Amino acid sequence: MDYRPAPKTYTPTEVAHLLGLKPATIYAELSRGQLRAYHLGRRRLITEEQLQAYKTKRQAVILVDMTYACGPALKL
């Protein structure tokens, strides 16, 4: 039998800490599908591979955190 070690996983809060972002931003990225994660019961776990893919994608695009944006309303 071939036994592979379990991949290193992170919670969304740990990922937020590693990237210097707010946990709400990470949860928003998960909801938008920008960051992939596995569900284990009610928990979301992000593997090292998924985190690296997200970091690569994030470097290619300038992201603006609009989670708490409350700018002026547009007048038409």
Protein backbone atom coordinates (compact mmCIF):
# COMPACT_ATOMS: atom_id res chain seq x y z
CA MET A 1 0.00 0.00 0.00
CA ASP A 2 1.05 3.55 -0.72
CA TYR A 3 0.76 5.82 2.31
CA ARG A 4 1.15 9.53 1.75
CA PRO A 5 1.51 12.05 4.57
CA ALA A 6 -1.47 14.31 5.11
CA PRO A 7 -1.02 17.70 3.47
CA LYS A 8 -0.47 20.73 5.69
CA THR A 9 -3.79 22.54 6.13
CA TYR A 10 -4.76 25.95 7.45
CA THR A 11 -7.98 27.47 8.74
CA PRO A 12 -9.24 30.69 7.12
CA THR A 13 -8.13 32.62 10.22
CA GLU A 14 -4.61 31.20 9.95
CA VAL A 15 -4.49 32.12 6.25
CA ALA A 16 -5.61 35.67 7.10
CA HIS A 17 -2.80 35.93 9.64
CA LEU A 18 -0.22 34.56 7.18
CA LEU A 19 -1.27 36.99 4.44
CA GLY A 20 -1.83 40.01 6.69
CA LEU A 21 -5.52 40.20 5.81
CA LYS A 22 -8.73 40.20 7.83
CA PRO A 23 -10.50 36.86 8.29
CA ALA A 24 -13.61 38.41 6.71
CA THR A 25 -11.59 39.01 3.53
CA ILE A 26 -10.54 35.36 3.41
CA TYR A 27 -14.14 34.19 3.91
CA ALA A 28 -15.24 36.56 1.12
CA GLU A 29 -12.57 35.11 -1.19
CA LEU A 30 -13.79 31.61 -0.34
CA SER A 31 -17.38 32.62 -1.12
CA ARG A 32 -16.35 34.15 -4.46
CA GLY A 33 -14.37 31.04 -5.38
CA GLN A 34 -11.07 32.94 -5.56
CA LEU A 35 -9.63 30.73 -2.82
CA ARG A 36 -10.39 27.02 -2.71
CA ALA A 37 -10.91 25.00 0.47
CA TYR A 38 -12.10 21.60 1.62
CA HIS A 39 -15.02 21.15 3.98
CA LEU A 40 -14.54 18.86 6.95
CA GLY A 41 -17.84 18.95 8.77
CA ARG A 42 -18.48 22.64 9.34
CA ARG A 43 -14.79 23.54 9.08
CA ARG A 44 -13.04 24.86 6.01
CA LEU A 45 -9.47 23.73 5.52
CA ILE A 46 -7.07 25.21 3.00
CA THR A 47 -4.14 23.08 1.87
CA GLU A 48 -0.65 24.42 1.26
CA GLU A 49 -1.17 23.82 -2.48
CA GLN A 50 -4.42 25.81 -2.51
CA LEU A 51 -2.75 28.64 -0.57
CA GLN A 52 0.18 28.78 -3.01
CA ALA A 53 -2.22 28.86 -5.99
CA TYR A 54 -4.13 31.73 -4.38
CA LYS A 55 -0.92 33.66 -3.66
CA THR A 56 0.21 33.23 -7.27
CA LYS A 57 -3.16 34.41 -8.58
CA ARG A 58 -3.16 37.30 -6.11
CA GLN A 59 0.25 38.50 -7.30
CA ALA A 60 -0.99 38.58 -10.89
CA VAL A 61 -4.01 40.76 -10.08
CA ILE A 62 -4.23 43.81 -7.87
CA LEU A 63 -7.05 43.10 -5.45
CA VAL A 64 -9.04 45.75 -3.64
CA ASP A 65 -10.69 44.70 -0.39
CA MET A 66 -14.28 45.93 -0.74
CA THR A 67 -15.52 43.96 2.25
CA TYR A 68 -15.96 47.06 4.40
CA ALA A 69 -16.12 49.71 1.65
CA CYS A 70 -18.62 52.46 2.36
CA GLY A 71 -17.80 55.18 -0.14
CA PRO A 72 -20.21 57.82 -1.41
CA ALA A 73 -23.24 56.66 -3.35
CA LEU A 74 -23.24 57.25 -7.08
CA LYS A 75 -25.62 59.93 -8.29
CA LEU A 76 -27.15 59.43 -11.70
